[in-house]
């Protein structure tokens, strides 16, 4: 939208709110690439690090929000909660 010359003061806030309510934008299916959220808490105060790692490939979607994802580098498959995933 910026490339077309459109801008309004709350444009980024509005587009973020729309993408969070869009079901197609939030959907993760088998075979799709996703990023995995890793949060690491170290013993040092004030050193909370969080980051997204990946991409990983979704192998299986369970009915209650769990996913089997595969690391394409070494073919390890593991189960994670869907709240820790983001579409790539």
PDB file of N, CA and C in Angstrom:
ATOM      1  N   UNK A   1       0.812  -1.177   0.000  1.00  0.00           N
ATOM      2  CA  UNK A   1       0.000   0.000   0.000  1.00  0.00           C
ATOM      3  C   UNK A   1       0.862   1.250   0.000  1.00  0.00           C
ATOM      4  N   UNK A   2       2.022   1.154   0.636  1.00  0.00           N
ATOM      5  CA  UNK A   2       2.920   2.308   0.607  1.00  0.00           C
ATOM      6  C   UNK A   2       3.449   2.549  -0.801  1.00  0.00           C
ATOM      7  N   UNK A   3       3.655   1.462  -1.563  1.00  0.00           N
ATOM      8  CA  UNK A   3       4.168   1.599  -2.920  1.00  0.00           C
ATOM      9  C   UNK A   3       3.161   2.302  -3.829  1.00  0.00           C
ATOM     10  N   UNK A   4       1.873   2.141  -3.533  1.00  0.00           N
ATOM     11  CA  UNK A   4       0.830   2.794  -4.331  1.00  0.00           C
ATOM     12  C   UNK A   4       0.607   4.241  -3.918  1.00  0.00           C
ATOM     13  N   UNK A   5       1.224   4.668  -2.824  1.00  0.00           N
ATOM     14  CA  UNK A   5       1.076   6.045  -2.384  1.00  0.00           C
ATOM     15  C   UNK A   5      -0.008   6.253  -1.349  1.00  0.00           C
ATOM     16  N   UNK A   6      -0.566   5.162  -0.810  1.00  0.00           N
ATOM     17  CA  UNK A   6      -1.609   5.304   0.210  1.00  0.00           C
ATOM     18  C   UNK A   6      -0.965   5.361   1.591  1.00  0.00           C
ATOM     19  N   UNK A   7      -1.460   6.229   2.432  1.00  0.00           N
ATOM     20  CA  UNK A   7      -1.006   6.317   3.818  1.00  0.00           C
ATOM     21  C   UNK A   7      -2.067   7.016   4.649  1.00  0.00           C
ATOM     22  N   UNK A   8      -2.293   6.513   5.843  1.00  0.00           N
ATOM     23  CA  UNK A   8      -3.117   7.191   6.839  1.00  0.00           C
ATOM     24  C   UNK A   8      -2.453   6.941   8.187  1.00  0.00           C
ATOM     25  N   UNK A   9      -2.710   7.774   9.172  1.00  0.00           N
ATOM     26  CA  UNK A   9      -1.955   7.726  10.430  1.00  0.00           C
ATOM     27  C   UNK A   9      -2.024   6.384  11.170  1.00  0.00           C
ATOM     28  N   UNK A  10      -3.135   5.680  11.095  1.00  0.00           N
ATOM     29  CA  UNK A  10      -3.247   4.403  11.813  1.00  0.00           C
ATOM     30  C   UNK A  10      -3.166   3.210  10.864  1.00  0.00           C
ATOM     31  N   UNK A  11      -2.457   3.352   9.759  1.00  0.00           N
ATOM     32  CA  UNK A  11      -2.411   2.300   8.751  1.00  0.00           C
ATOM     33  C   UNK A  11      -1.783   1.018   9.298  1.00  0.00           C
ATOM     34  N   UNK A  12      -0.653   1.098   9.988  1.00  0.00           N
ATOM     35  CA  UNK A  12       0.024  -0.096  10.474  1.00  0.00           C
ATOM     36  C   UNK A  12      -0.795  -0.783  11.563  1.00  0.00           C
ATOM     37  N   UNK A  13      -1.430  -0.010  12.425  1.00  0.00           N
ATOM     38  CA  UNK A  13      -2.283  -0.560  13.474  1.00  0.00           C
ATOM     39  C   UNK A  13      -3.493  -1.259  12.861  1.00  0.00           C
ATOM     40  N   UNK A  14      -4.087  -0.664  11.835  1.00  0.00           N
ATOM     41  CA  UNK A  14      -5.262  -1.239  11.177  1.00  0.00           C
ATOM     42  C   UNK A  14      -4.919  -2.530  10.432  1.00  0.00           C
ATOM     43  N   UNK A  15      -3.804  -2.542   9.716  1.00  0.00           N
ATOM     44  CA  UNK A  15      -3.427  -3.751   8.974  1.00  0.00           C
ATOM     45  C   UNK A  15      -3.037  -4.879   9.922  1.00  0.00           C
ATOM     46  N   UNK A  16      -2.412  -4.566  11.056  1.00  0.00           N
ATOM     47  CA  UNK A  16      -2.073  -5.587  12.048  1.00  0.00           C
ATOM     48  C   UNK A  16      -3.342  -6.188  12.641  1.00  0.00           C
ATOM     49  N   UNK A  17      -4.304  -5.353  12.984  1.00  0.00           N
ATOM     50  CA  UNK A  17      -5.564  -5.839  13.544  1.00  0.00           C
ATOM     51  C   UNK A  17      -6.317  -6.697  12.528  1.00  0.00           C
ATOM     52  N   UNK A  18      -6.298  -6.314  11.256  1.00  0.00           N
ATOM     53  CA  UNK A  18      -6.967  -7.102  10.230  1.00  0.00           C
ATOM     54  C   UNK A  18      -6.300  -8.465  10.048  1.00  0.00           C
ATOM     55  N   UNK A  19      -4.965  -8.503  10.029  1.00  0.00           N
ATOM     56  CA  UNK A  19      -4.279  -9.775   9.819  1.00  0.00           C
ATOM     57  C   UNK A  19      -4.456 -10.713  11.011  1.00  0.00           C
ATOM     58  N   UNK A  20      -4.651 -10.183  12.216  1.00  0.00           N
ATOM     59  CA  UNK A  20      -4.877 -11.032  13.384  1.00  0.00           C
ATOM     60  C   UNK A  20      -6.288 -11.612  13.408  1.00  0.00           C
ATOM     61  N   UNK A  21      -7.247 -10.975  12.756  1.00  0.00           N
ATOM     62  CA  UNK A  21      -8.612 -11.490  12.725  1.00  0.00           C
ATOM     63  C   UNK A  21      -8.908 -12.303  11.465  1.00  0.00           C
ATOM     64  N   UNK A  22      -8.009 -12.310  10.503  1.00  0.00           N
ATOM     65  CA  UNK A  22      -8.205 -13.037   9.252  1.00  0.00           C
ATOM     66  C   UNK A  22      -7.876 -14.516   9.468  1.00  0.00           C
ATOM     67  N   UNK A  23      -8.855 -15.409   9.249  1.00  0.00           N
ATOM     68  CA  UNK A  23      -8.620 -16.835   9.469  1.00  0.00           C
ATOM     69  C   UNK A  23      -7.611 -17.413   8.487  1.00  0.00           C
ATOM     70  N   UNK A  24      -7.658 -17.004   7.235  1.00  0.00           N
ATOM     71  CA  UNK A  24      -6.719 -17.525   6.241  1.00  0.00           C
ATOM     72  C   UNK A  24      -5.284 -17.103   6.539  1.00  0.00           C
ATOM     73  N   UNK A  25      -5.104 -15.938   7.154  1.00  0.00           N
ATOM     74  CA  UNK A  25      -3.767 -15.465   7.488  1.00  0.00           C
ATOM     75  C   UNK A  25      -3.173 -16.241   8.663  1.00  0.00           C
ATOM     76  N   UNK A  26      -4.016 -16.749   9.555  1.00  0.00           N
ATOM     77  CA  UNK A  26      -3.553 -17.429  10.762  1.00  0.00           C
ATOM     78  C   UNK A  26      -3.510 -18.943  10.617  1.00  0.00           C
ATOM     79  N   UNK A  27      -3.959 -19.483   9.504  1.00  0.00           N
ATOM     80  CA  UNK A  27      -4.078 -20.921   9.316  1.00  0.00           C
ATOM     81  C   UNK A  27      -2.723 -21.556   9.009  1.00  0.00           C
ATOM     82  N   UNK A  28      -2.445 -22.688   9.643  1.00  0.00           N
ATOM     83  CA  UNK A  28      -1.220 -23.446   9.386  1.00  0.00           C
ATOM     84  C   UNK A  28      -1.641 -24.852   8.984  1.00  0.00           C
ATOM     85  N   UNK A  29      -1.199 -25.311   7.807  1.00  0.00           N
ATOM     86  CA  UNK A  29      -1.551 -26.626   7.289  1.00  0.00           C
ATOM     87  C   UNK A  29      -0.314 -27.491   7.155  1.00  0.00           C
ATOM     88  N   UNK A  30      -0.524 -28.772   6.905  1.00  0.00           N
ATOM     89  CA  UNK A  30       0.583 -29.698   6.685  1.00  0.00           C
ATOM     90  C   UNK A  30       1.354 -29.298   5.437  1.00  0.00           C
ATOM     91  N   UNK A  31       2.667 -29.401   5.509  1.00  0.00           N
ATOM     92  CA  UNK A  31       3.521 -29.058   4.395  1.00  0.00           C
ATOM     93  C   UNK A  31       3.937 -27.604   4.348  1.00  0.00           C
ATOM     94  N   UNK A  32       3.397 -26.779   5.231  1.00  0.00           N
ATOM     95  CA  UNK A  32       3.704 -25.354   5.241  1.00  0.00           C
ATOM     96  C   UNK A  32       4.962 -25.087   6.060  1.00  0.00           C
ATOM     97  N   UNK A  33       5.727 -24.085   5.668  1.00  0.00           N
ATOM     98  CA  UNK A  33       6.895 -23.671   6.431  1.00  0.00           C
ATOM     99  C   UNK A  33       6.473 -22.759   7.572  1.00  0.00           C
ATOM    100  N   UNK A  34       7.052 -22.983   8.761  1.00  0.00           N
ATOM    101  CA  UNK A  34       6.726 -22.182   9.941  1.00  0.00           C
ATOM    102  C   UNK A  34       8.011 -21.814  10.672  1.00  0.00           C
ATOM    103  N   UNK A  35       7.918 -20.791  11.506  1.00  0.00           N
ATOM    104  CA  UNK A  35       8.997 -20.405  12.405  1.00  0.00           C
ATOM    105  C   UNK A  35       8.626 -20.839  13.813  1.00  0.00           C
ATOM    106  N   UNK A  36       9.630 -21.259  14.594  1.00  0.00           N
ATOM    107  CA  UNK A  36       9.423 -21.728  15.962  1.00  0.00           C
ATOM    108  C   UNK A  36       9.955 -20.689  16.931  1.00  0.00           C
ATOM    109  N   UNK A  37       9.148 -20.342  17.936  1.00  0.00           N
ATOM    110  CA  UNK A  37       9.525 -19.345  18.934  1.00  0.00           C
ATOM    111  C   UNK A  37      10.288 -20.028  20.057  1.00  0.00           C
ATOM    112  N   UNK A  38      11.534 -19.616  20.264  1.00  0.00           N
ATOM    113  CA  UNK A  38      12.359 -20.124  21.357  1.00  0.00           C
ATOM    114  C   UNK A  38      12.591 -18.999  22.342  1.00  0.00           C
ATOM    115  N   UNK A  39      12.193 -19.198  23.593  1.00  0.00           N
ATOM    116  CA  UNK A  39      12.499 -18.208  24.619  1.00  0.00           C
ATOM    117  C   UNK A  39      13.479 -18.847  25.586  1.00  0.00           C
ATOM    118  N   UNK A  40      14.516 -18.128  25.878  1.00  0.00           N
ATOM    119  CA  UNK A  40      15.552 -18.638  26.772  1.00  0.00           C
ATOM    120  C   UNK A  40      15.719 -17.676  27.930  1.00  0.00           C
ATOM    121  N   UNK A  41      15.614 -18.195  29.123  1.00  0.00           N
ATOM    122  CA  UNK A  41      15.787 -17.396  30.321  1.00  0.00           C
ATOM    123  C   UNK A  41      17.103 -17.796  30.961  1.00  0.00           C
ATOM    124  N   UNK A  42      18.033 -16.882  31.039  1.00  0.00           N
ATOM    125  CA  UNK A  42      19.328 -17.162  31.634  1.00  0.00           C
ATOM    126  C   UNK A  42      19.322 -16.744  33.096  1.00  0.00           C
ATOM    127  N   UNK A  43      20.310 -17.148  33.822  1.00  0.00           N
ATOM    128  CA  UNK A  43      20.378 -16.864  35.248  1.00  0.00           C
ATOM    129  C   UNK A  43      20.718 -15.415  35.551  1.00  0.00           C
ATOM    130  N   UNK A  44      21.222 -14.702  34.594  1.00  0.00           N
ATOM    131  CA  UNK A  44      21.582 -13.309  34.813  1.00  0.00           C
ATOM    132  C   UNK A  44      20.334 -12.437  34.723  1.00  0.00           C
ATOM    133  N   UNK A  45      20.104 -11.569  35.701  1.00  0.00           N
ATOM    134  CA  UNK A  45      18.908 -10.730  35.635  1.00  0.00           C
ATOM    135  C   UNK A  45      18.978  -9.747  34.473  1.00  0.00           C
ATOM    136  N   UNK A  46      17.857  -9.559  33.817  1.00  0.00           N
ATOM    137  CA  UNK A  46      17.792  -8.641  32.689  1.00  0.00           C
ATOM    138  C   UNK A  46      18.294  -9.225  31.387  1.00  0.00           C
ATOM    139  N   UNK A  47      18.598 -10.505  31.363  1.00  0.00           N
ATOM    140  CA  UNK A  47      19.124 -11.137  30.153  1.00  0.00           C
ATOM    141  C   UNK A  47      18.103 -12.111  29.555  1.00  0.00           C
ATOM    142  N   UNK A  48      16.904 -11.656  29.387  1.00  0.00           N
ATOM    143  CA  UNK A  48      15.869 -12.477  28.778  1.00  0.00           C
ATOM    144  C   UNK A  48      15.996 -12.356  27.260  1.00  0.00           C
ATOM    145  N   UNK A  49      16.283 -13.472  26.604  1.00  0.00           N
ATOM    146  CA  UNK A  49      16.433 -13.478  25.159  1.00  0.00           C
ATOM    147  C   UNK A  49      15.330 -14.314  24.536  1.00  0.00           C
ATOM    148  N   UNK A  50      14.749 -13.824  23.501  1.00  0.00           N
ATOM    149  CA  UNK A  50      13.758 -14.595  22.767  1.00  0.00           C
ATOM    150  C   UNK A  50      14.037 -14.420  21.278  1.00  0.00           C
ATOM    151  N   UNK A  51      13.723 -15.454  20.515  1.00  0.00           N
ATOM    152  CA  UNK A  51      13.969 -15.363  19.081  1.00  0.00           C
ATOM    153  C   UNK A  51      13.144 -16.405  18.340  1.00  0.00           C
ATOM    154  N   UNK A  52      12.998 -16.194  17.053  1.00  0.00           N
ATOM    155  CA  UNK A  52      12.317 -17.125  16.166  1.00  0.00           C
ATOM    156  C   UNK A  52      13.388 -17.924  15.440  1.00  0.00           C
ATOM    157  N   UNK A  53      13.224 -19.236  15.367  1.00  0.00           N
ATOM    158  CA  UNK A  53      14.172 -20.079  14.645  1.00  0.00           C
ATOM    159  C   UNK A  53      13.420 -20.852  13.570  1.00  0.00           C
ATOM    160  N   UNK A  54      14.159 -21.293  12.592  1.00  0.00           N
ATOM    161  CA  UNK A  54      13.513 -22.055  11.534  1.00  0.00           C
ATOM    162  C   UNK A  54      14.000 -21.617  10.180  1.00  0.00           C
ATOM    163  N   UNK A  55      13.346 -21.937   9.145  1.00  0.00           N
ATOM    164  CA  UNK A  55      11.993 -22.476   9.031  1.00  0.00           C
ATOM    165  C   UNK A  55      11.947 -23.989   9.241  1.00  0.00           C
ATOM    166  N   UNK A  56      10.810 -24.466   9.713  1.00  0.00           N
ATOM    167  CA  UNK A  56      10.520 -25.873   9.885  1.00  0.00           C
ATOM    168  C   UNK A  56       9.338 -26.215   8.993  1.00  0.00           C
ATOM    169  N   UNK A  57       9.140 -27.504   8.735  1.00  0.00           N
ATOM    170  CA  UNK A  57       8.054 -27.971   7.879  1.00  0.00           C
ATOM    171  C   UNK A  57       7.026 -28.687   8.753  1.00  0.00           C
ATOM    172  N   UNK A  58       5.750 -28.317   8.627  1.00  0.00           N
ATOM    173  CA  UNK A  58       4.684 -28.960   9.389  1.00  0.00           C
ATOM    174  C   UNK A  58       4.402 -30.324   8.769  1.00  0.00           C
ATOM    175  N   UNK A  59       4.498 -31.380   9.579  1.00  0.00           N
ATOM    176  CA  UNK A  59       4.236 -32.738   9.091  1.00  0.00           C
ATOM    177  C   UNK A  59       2.829 -33.212   9.416  1.00  0.00           C
ATOM    178  N   UNK A  60       2.335 -32.881  10.627  1.00  0.00           N
ATOM    179  CA  UNK A  60       1.012 -33.342  11.030  1.00  0.00           C
ATOM    180  C   UNK A  60       0.389 -32.301  11.941  1.00  0.00           C
ATOM    181  N   UNK A  61      -0.916 -32.080  11.764  1.00  0.00           N
ATOM    182  CA  UNK A  61      -1.672 -31.143  12.595  1.00  0.00           C
ATOM    183  C   UNK A  61      -2.639 -31.960  13.441  1.00  0.00           C
ATOM    184  N   UNK A  62      -2.529 -31.852  14.771  1.00  0.00           N
ATOM    185  CA  UNK A  62      -3.427 -32.545  15.676  1.00  0.00           C
ATOM    186  C   UNK A  62      -4.653 -31.677  15.949  1.00  0.00           C
ATOM    187  N   UNK A  63      -5.766 -32.279  16.356  1.00  0.00           N
ATOM    188  CA  UNK A  63      -7.006 -31.497  16.475  1.00  0.00           C
ATOM    189  C   UNK A  63      -7.012 -30.441  17.576  1.00  0.00           C
ATOM    190  N   UNK A  64      -6.172 -30.547  18.587  1.00  0.00           N
ATOM    191  CA  UNK A  64      -6.227 -29.598  19.697  1.00  0.00           C
ATOM    192  C   UNK A  64      -5.052 -28.636  19.716  1.00  0.00           C
ATOM    193  N   UNK A  65      -4.486 -28.311  18.556  1.00  0.00           N
ATOM    194  CA  UNK A  65      -3.485 -27.263  18.470  1.00  0.00           C
ATOM    195  C   UNK A  65      -2.052 -27.714  18.575  1.00  0.00           C
ATOM    196  N   UNK A  66      -1.786 -29.006  18.547  1.00  0.00           N
ATOM    197  CA  UNK A  66      -0.411 -29.497  18.537  1.00  0.00           C
ATOM    198  C   UNK A  66       0.013 -29.762  17.103  1.00  0.00           C
ATOM    199  N   UNK A  67       1.320 -29.638  16.865  1.00  0.00           N
ATOM    200  CA  UNK A  67       1.860 -29.821  15.528  1.00  0.00           C
ATOM    201  C   UNK A  67       3.101 -30.689  15.592  1.00  0.00           C
ATOM    202  N   UNK A  68       3.280 -31.569  14.620  1.00  0.00           N
ATOM    203  CA  UNK A  68       4.549 -32.253  14.402  1.00  0.00           C
ATOM    204  C   UNK A  68       5.295 -31.445  13.354  1.00  0.00           C
ATOM    205  N   UNK A  69       6.483 -30.963  13.704  1.00  0.00           N
ATOM    206  CA  UNK A  69       7.281 -30.208  12.744  1.00  0.00           C
ATOM    207  C   UNK A  69       8.599 -30.924  12.520  1.00  0.00           C
ATOM    208  N   UNK A  70       9.147 -30.739  11.332  1.00  0.00           N
ATOM    209  CA  UNK A  70      10.383 -31.412  10.933  1.00  0.00           C
ATOM    210  C   UNK A  70      11.446 -30.369  10.632  1.00  0.00           C
ATOM    211  N   UNK A  71      12.634 -30.616  11.144  1.00  0.00           N
ATOM    212  CA  UNK A  71      13.782 -29.782  10.826  1.00  0.00           C
ATOM    213  C   UNK A  71      14.344 -30.267   9.496  1.00  0.00           C
ATOM    214  N   UNK A  72      14.350 -29.446   8.450  1.00  0.00           N
ATOM    215  CA  UNK A  72      14.807 -29.925   7.137  1.00  0.00           C
ATOM    216  C   UNK A  72      16.303 -30.204   7.081  1.00  0.00           C
ATOM    217  N   UNK A  73      17.087 -29.690   8.031  1.00  0.00           N
ATOM    218  CA  UNK A  73      18.535 -29.916   8.007  1.00  0.00           C
ATOM    219  C   UNK A  73      18.900 -31.335   8.420  1.00  0.00           C
ATOM    220  N   UNK A  74      18.228 -31.875   9.450  1.00  0.00           N
ATOM    221  CA  UNK A  74      18.595 -33.203   9.934  1.00  0.00           C
ATOM    222  C   UNK A  74      17.402 -34.146  10.043  1.00  0.00           C
ATOM    223  N   UNK A  75      16.248 -33.792   9.542  1.00  0.00           N
ATOM    224  CA  UNK A  75      15.041 -34.621   9.482  1.00  0.00           C
ATOM    225  C   UNK A  75      14.524 -35.063  10.848  1.00  0.00           C
ATOM    226  N   UNK A  76      14.816 -34.311  11.914  1.00  0.00           N
ATOM    227  CA  UNK A  76      14.236 -34.594  13.227  1.00  0.00           C
ATOM    228  C   UNK A  76      12.798 -34.101  13.240  1.00  0.00           C
ATOM    229  N   UNK A  77      11.885 -34.941  13.762  1.00  0.00           N
ATOM    230  CA  UNK A  77      10.478 -34.577  13.874  1.00  0.00           C
ATOM    231  C   UNK A  77      10.137 -34.492  15.354  1.00  0.00           C
ATOM    232  N   UNK A  78       9.501 -33.382  15.780  1.00  0.00           N
ATOM    233  CA  UNK A  78       9.108 -33.240  17.174  1.00  0.00           C
ATOM    234  C   UNK A  78       7.788 -32.501  17.267  1.00  0.00           C
ATOM    235  N   UNK A  79       7.107 -32.676  18.403  1.00  0.00           N
ATOM    236  CA  UNK A  79       5.783 -32.111  18.627  1.00  0.00           C
ATOM    237  C   UNK A  79       5.904 -30.811  19.414  1.00  0.00           C
ATOM    238  N   UNK A  80       5.191 -29.781  18.961  1.00  0.00           N
ATOM    239  CA  UNK A  80       5.196 -28.492  19.643  1.00  0.00           C
ATOM    240  C   UNK A  80       3.770 -27.969  19.747  1.00  0.00           C
ATOM    241  N   UNK A  81       3.576 -27.005  20.634  1.00  0.00           N
ATOM    242  CA  UNK A  81       2.301 -26.332  20.784  1.00  0.00           C
ATOM    243  C   UNK A  81       2.134 -25.312  19.662  1.00  0.00           C
ATOM    244  N   UNK A  82       0.925 -25.148  19.190  1.00  0.00           N
ATOM    245  CA  UNK A  82       0.664 -24.222  18.083  1.00  0.00           C
ATOM    246  C   UNK A  82       0.898 -22.770  18.423  1.00  0.00           C
ATOM    247  N   UNK A  83       0.892 -22.422  19.717  1.00  0.00           N
ATOM    248  CA  UNK A  83       1.140 -21.029  20.112  1.00  0.00           C
ATOM    249  C   UNK A  83       2.587 -20.622  19.879  1.00  0.00           C
ATOM    250  N   UNK A  84       3.474 -21.589  19.703  1.00  0.00           N
ATOM    251  CA  UNK A  84       4.883 -21.293  19.495  1.00  0.00           C
ATOM    252  C   UNK A  84       5.253 -21.213  18.021  1.00  0.00           C
ATOM    253  N   UNK A  85       4.269 -21.308  17.120  1.00  0.00           N
ATOM    254  CA  UNK A  85       4.532 -21.298  15.685  1.00  0.00           C
ATOM    255  C   UNK A  85       3.994 -20.044  15.023  1.00  0.00           C
ATOM    256  N   UNK A  86       4.674 -19.648  13.955  1.00  0.00           N
ATOM    257  CA  UNK A  86       4.240 -18.518  13.134  1.00  0.00           C
ATOM    258  C   UNK A  86       4.492 -18.900  11.675  1.00  0.00           C
ATOM    259  N   UNK A  87       3.550 -18.608  10.803  1.00  0.00           N
ATOM    260  CA  UNK A  87       3.706 -18.923   9.374  1.00  0.00           C
ATOM    261  C   UNK A  87       4.902 -18.187   8.815  1.00  0.00           C
ATOM    262  N   UNK A  88       5.663 -18.861   7.956  1.00  0.00           N
ATOM    263  CA  UNK A  88       6.885 -18.287   7.391  1.00  0.00           C
ATOM    264  C   UNK A  88       6.578 -17.567   6.122  1.00  0.00           C
TER     265      UNK A  88
END
